[in-house]
Amino acid sequence: MKVTLEDDKLGLLATKYNYYNFDYNKVYCTDNTFYSYVKNELDDIPSINNISDKLLKAVCYIHNNKDRSNFDKEICSYLYYWIGDVLFASFDNTFFDKVISILYQDLRYSDQCKLCEPIYREINNTDFQKIKIMHDFSADYGNYKIDIANPNAPCNVNYKNYLYNYVENYKKFFSYCEIVQKTDKHCEEFHKFFGDKKYGELSILSCVIEETSRRIELLSDKGD
């Protein structure tokens, strides 16, 4: 019997899992010098006073773990897109580069090597949101391949709508960047994210609302 893809499966997507850790982590900095310095720098930007603690906790999560041998550098990209999303939800791009510089000044290096670099220091909200969609869809692709391995995979409305939104955006980006061959900033990132992935596989990712899936299964059984 096929397992219906529901909200619990959405919560297991790579992006959902990592962004959740930043949204709800209760980590505090083990390095008081780092914490005090960054906090003072952020306090000089009044427009982010309501989110500065949230940003600090996320950065401290990385700072506390960055020198561990098992540190996963993949989390750096999630941090960047999470921070950008929080910042652009609070104001325009006026202070984006300044805040990014403050938050990343100590994260750029671990004891061993380069660590977390900001993907873009200067970027407008429109480009950022487009690139974040690409990042998230690409990051979750591994989950989707497993979840929707079989045709007509049953899902609930939330899962279907969530996946549909990303697939439709992907098709728009593909048309704009590959067919029309535009060279916008987000098209540069499109090639990085999807250059080795096939359009035919990504563009048809879908699932079927549970009731519809059952009807299809019953009709298939009758045909046999």
Protein backbone atom coordinates (compact mmCIF):
# COMPACT_ATOMS: atom_id res chain seq x y z
CA MET A 1 0.00 0.00 0.00
CA LYS A 2 1.31 3.44 -0.95
CA VAL A 3 2.12 5.84 1.87
CA THR A 4 0.39 9.21 1.58
CA LEU A 5 2.75 12.19 1.58
CA GLU A 6 1.50 14.50 4.31
CA ASP A 7 2.73 17.39 6.45
CA ASP A 8 5.17 15.16 8.33
CA LYS A 9 6.96 14.43 5.05
CA LEU A 10 7.12 18.15 4.28
CA GLY A 11 8.81 18.65 7.63
CA LEU A 12 11.52 16.18 6.62
CA LEU A 13 12.56 18.14 3.52
CA ALA A 14 16.17 19.31 3.81
CA THR A 15 15.20 22.99 3.69
CA LYS A 16 12.35 22.65 6.18
CA TYR A 17 14.59 20.80 8.62
CA ASN A 18 17.49 23.26 8.41
CA TYR A 19 15.42 26.44 8.43
CA TYR A 20 13.45 25.09 11.40
CA ASN A 21 16.72 24.73 13.33
CA PHE A 22 17.49 28.40 12.73
CA ASP A 23 13.94 29.54 13.47
CA TYR A 24 13.54 27.72 16.75
CA ASN A 25 17.04 26.99 18.04
CA LYS A 26 17.74 27.98 21.64
CA VAL A 27 21.49 28.15 21.22
CA TYR A 28 23.48 30.89 22.90
CA CYS A 29 27.03 31.87 22.08
CA THR A 30 29.76 30.09 24.00
CA ASP A 31 32.11 32.91 22.98
CA ASN A 32 31.06 36.04 24.89
CA THR A 33 33.54 38.25 23.05
CA PHE A 34 32.10 37.29 19.67
CA TYR A 35 28.52 37.68 20.93
CA SER A 36 29.10 41.11 22.49
CA TYR A 37 30.91 42.47 19.46
CA VAL A 38 28.30 41.34 16.94
CA LYS A 39 25.41 42.44 19.17
CA ASN A 40 26.88 45.93 19.55
CA GLU A 41 27.34 46.20 15.79
CA LEU A 42 23.74 45.13 15.14
CA ASP A 43 22.40 47.47 17.83
CA ASP A 44 23.71 50.37 15.74
CA ILE A 45 21.11 49.51 13.08
CA PRO A 46 17.75 50.43 14.71
CA SER A 47 15.62 48.99 11.89
CA ILE A 48 16.66 45.43 12.81
CA ASN A 49 16.32 45.69 16.60
CA ASN A 50 13.28 43.41 16.53
CA ILE A 51 15.16 40.60 14.76
CA SER A 52 18.75 41.04 15.97
CA ASP A 53 18.48 38.40 18.71
CA LYS A 54 17.05 35.91 16.23
CA LEU A 55 19.90 36.57 13.82
CA LEU A 56 22.48 36.30 16.58
CA LYS A 57 21.22 32.91 17.75
CA ALA A 58 21.43 31.52 14.22
CA VAL A 59 24.96 32.82 13.75
CA CYS A 60 25.97 31.51 17.19
CA TYR A 61 24.70 28.08 16.18
CA ILE A 62 27.32 28.06 13.42
CA HIS A 63 29.99 29.82 15.48
CA ASN A 64 29.74 27.26 18.29
CA ASN A 65 30.22 24.35 15.89
CA LYS A 66 32.42 25.70 13.13
CA ASP A 67 35.69 24.17 14.36
CA ARG A 68 34.33 20.67 14.84
CA SER A 69 35.77 18.03 12.54
CA ASN A 70 32.30 16.81 11.55
CA PHE A 71 30.97 20.29 10.71
CA ASP A 72 28.82 20.10 7.57
CA LYS A 73 29.57 23.09 5.34
CA GLU A 74 26.30 22.55 3.48
CA ILE A 75 24.57 24.32 6.34
CA CYS A 76 26.31 27.56 5.31
CA SER A 77 24.04 27.97 2.29
CA TYR A 78 20.95 27.39 4.43
CA LEU A 79 22.18 30.03 6.86
CA TYR A 80 22.60 32.59 4.08
CA TYR A 81 19.14 32.08 2.62
CA TRP A 82 17.55 31.98 6.05
CA ILE A 83 19.24 35.25 7.06
CA GLY A 84 18.28 36.91 3.77
CA ASP A 85 14.67 35.82 4.13
CA VAL A 86 14.49 37.24 7.65
CA LEU A 87 16.13 40.51 6.61
CA PHE A 88 14.01 41.14 3.52
CA ALA A 89 10.86 40.36 5.49
CA SER A 90 11.77 43.24 7.80
CA PHE A 91 13.06 45.93 5.42
CA ASP A 92 14.26 46.59 1.89
CA ASN A 93 17.84 45.99 0.75
CA THR A 94 19.16 49.24 2.30
CA PHE A 95 21.14 47.55 5.07
CA PHE A 96 21.50 44.07 3.61
CA ASP A 97 25.21 44.25 2.77
CA LYS A 98 26.04 45.91 6.10
CA VAL A 99 24.22 43.28 8.17
CA ILE A 100 25.68 40.44 6.14
CA SER A 101 29.20 41.81 6.66
CA ILE A 102 28.65 42.01 10.42
CA LEU A 103 27.21 38.51 10.75
CA TYR A 104 29.79 36.82 8.56
CA GLN A 105 32.97 38.50 9.75
CA ASP A 106 33.84 35.65 12.13
CA LEU A 107 32.19 32.83 10.18
CA ARG A 108 34.39 33.12 7.13
CA TYR A 109 37.15 31.00 8.64
CA SER A 110 37.48 28.06 11.00
CA ASP A 111 40.79 26.97 12.52
CA GLN A 112 41.41 24.90 9.42
CA CYS A 113 40.12 26.67 6.32
CA LYS A 114 37.58 28.97 4.71
CA LEU A 115 34.15 28.23 6.05
CA CYS A 116 30.93 30.18 5.48
CA GLU A 117 31.11 32.88 2.83
CA PRO A 118 28.07 35.03 1.99
CA ILE A 119 26.82 34.07 -1.46
CA TYR A 120 26.03 37.68 -2.35
CA ARG A 121 26.79 40.70 -0.20
CA GLU A 122 24.79 43.03 -2.40
CA ILE A 123 21.52 41.78 -3.86
CA ASN A 124 17.99 43.11 -4.22
CA ASN A 125 14.95 41.36 -2.79
CA THR A 126 13.61 40.25 -6.19
CA ASP A 127 16.81 38.47 -7.21
CA PHE A 128 17.27 37.04 -3.74
CA GLN A 129 13.80 35.46 -3.65
CA LYS A 130 14.26 33.91 -7.09
CA ILE A 131 17.63 32.44 -6.17
CA LYS A 132 16.32 31.18 -2.83
CA ILE A 133 13.53 29.30 -4.64
CA MET A 134 16.16 27.66 -6.86
CA HIS A 135 18.33 26.76 -3.88
CA ASP A 136 15.43 25.27 -1.96
CA PHE A 137 14.09 23.24 -4.87
CA SER A 138 17.56 21.92 -5.67
CA ALA A 139 18.27 21.10 -2.01
CA ASP A 140 14.99 19.21 -1.62
CA TYR A 141 15.27 17.32 -4.89
CA GLY A 142 16.80 14.31 -3.16
CA ASN A 143 13.77 14.06 -0.88
CA TYR A 144 11.35 14.40 -3.78
CA LYS A 145 13.08 11.63 -5.75
CA ILE A 146 12.48 9.25 -2.86
CA ASP A 147 8.99 10.48 -1.92
CA ILE A 148 7.70 10.41 -5.50
CA ALA A 149 9.61 7.40 -6.79
CA ASN A 150 6.39 5.73 -7.96
CA PRO A 151 3.82 7.18 -10.41
CA ASN A 152 0.67 8.71 -8.92
CA ALA A 153 2.21 8.97 -5.46
CA PRO A 154 -0.62 9.95 -3.06
CA CYS A 155 -0.28 13.20 -1.12
CA ASN A 156 -2.36 15.69 0.81
CA VAL A 157 -3.21 19.18 -0.44
CA ASN A 158 -0.36 20.89 1.44
CA TYR A 159 2.31 18.63 -0.03
CA LYS A 160 0.88 18.91 -3.54
CA ASN A 161 0.62 22.70 -3.45
CA TYR A 162 4.09 23.08 -1.96
CA LEU A 163 5.69 20.91 -4.64
CA TYR A 164 3.59 22.42 -7.44
CA ASN A 165 4.76 25.93 -6.58
CA TYR A 166 8.43 24.95 -6.84
CA VAL A 167 7.99 22.99 -10.07
CA GLU A 168 6.12 25.86 -11.73
CA ASN A 169 8.79 28.34 -10.70
CA TYR A 170 11.48 25.99 -11.98
CA LYS A 171 9.77 25.78 -15.38
CA LYS A 172 9.58 29.58 -15.58
CA PHE A 173 13.26 29.91 -14.71
CA PHE A 174 14.17 27.25 -17.26
CA SER A 175 12.24 29.03 -20.00
CA TYR A 176 13.78 32.41 -19.14
CA CYS A 177 17.36 31.27 -18.57
CA GLU A 178 17.74 28.33 -20.96
CA ILE A 179 15.32 28.97 -23.82
CA VAL A 180 15.35 32.77 -23.94
CA GLN A 181 18.96 32.60 -22.70
CA LYS A 182 18.91 35.64 -20.47
CA THR A 183 21.99 36.43 -18.41
CA ASP A 184 20.44 37.93 -15.27
CA LYS A 185 22.02 37.26 -11.88
CA HIS A 186 19.45 34.60 -11.04
CA CYS A 187 20.16 32.85 -14.36
CA GLU A 188 23.81 32.48 -13.38
CA GLU A 189 22.65 30.69 -10.25
CA PHE A 190 20.13 28.62 -12.21
CA HIS A 191 22.95 27.04 -14.20
CA LYS A 192 24.86 26.27 -11.00
CA PHE A 193 21.88 24.64 -9.32
CA PHE A 194 20.42 22.74 -12.25
CA GLY A 195 23.16 22.41 -14.86
CA ASP A 196 23.58 18.69 -14.18
CA LYS A 197 19.87 17.95 -13.67
CA LYS A 198 17.47 16.99 -16.46
CA TYR A 199 14.50 19.22 -17.25
CA GLY A 200 12.40 16.16 -18.04
CA GLU A 201 12.85 14.84 -14.51
CA LEU A 202 12.37 18.09 -12.60
CA SER A 203 9.48 19.50 -14.61
CA ILE A 204 7.20 16.48 -14.10
CA LEU A 205 7.62 16.03 -10.36
CA SER A 206 4.11 15.72 -8.97
CA CYS A 207 1.87 13.78 -6.67
CA VAL A 208 -1.85 13.05 -6.66
CA ILE A 209 -4.34 14.07 -3.98
CA GLU A 210 -5.09 10.96 -1.93
CA GLU A 211 -8.72 10.51 -3.02
CA THR A 212 -7.78 10.82 -6.70
CA SER A 213 -4.88 8.42 -6.23
CA ARG A 214 -7.20 5.80 -4.78
CA ARG A 215 -9.59 6.10 -7.70
CA ILE A 216 -6.69 5.68 -10.14
CA GLU A 217 -5.53 2.61 -8.22
CA LEU A 218 -9.02 1.07 -8.28
CA LEU A 219 -9.37 1.67 -12.01
CA SER A 220 -5.95 0.13 -12.57
CA ASP A 221 -6.94 -2.95 -10.58
CA LYS A 222 -10.11 -3.35 -12.63
CA GLY A 223 -8.11 -3.08 -15.83
CA ASP A 224 -5.90 -5.93 -14.68
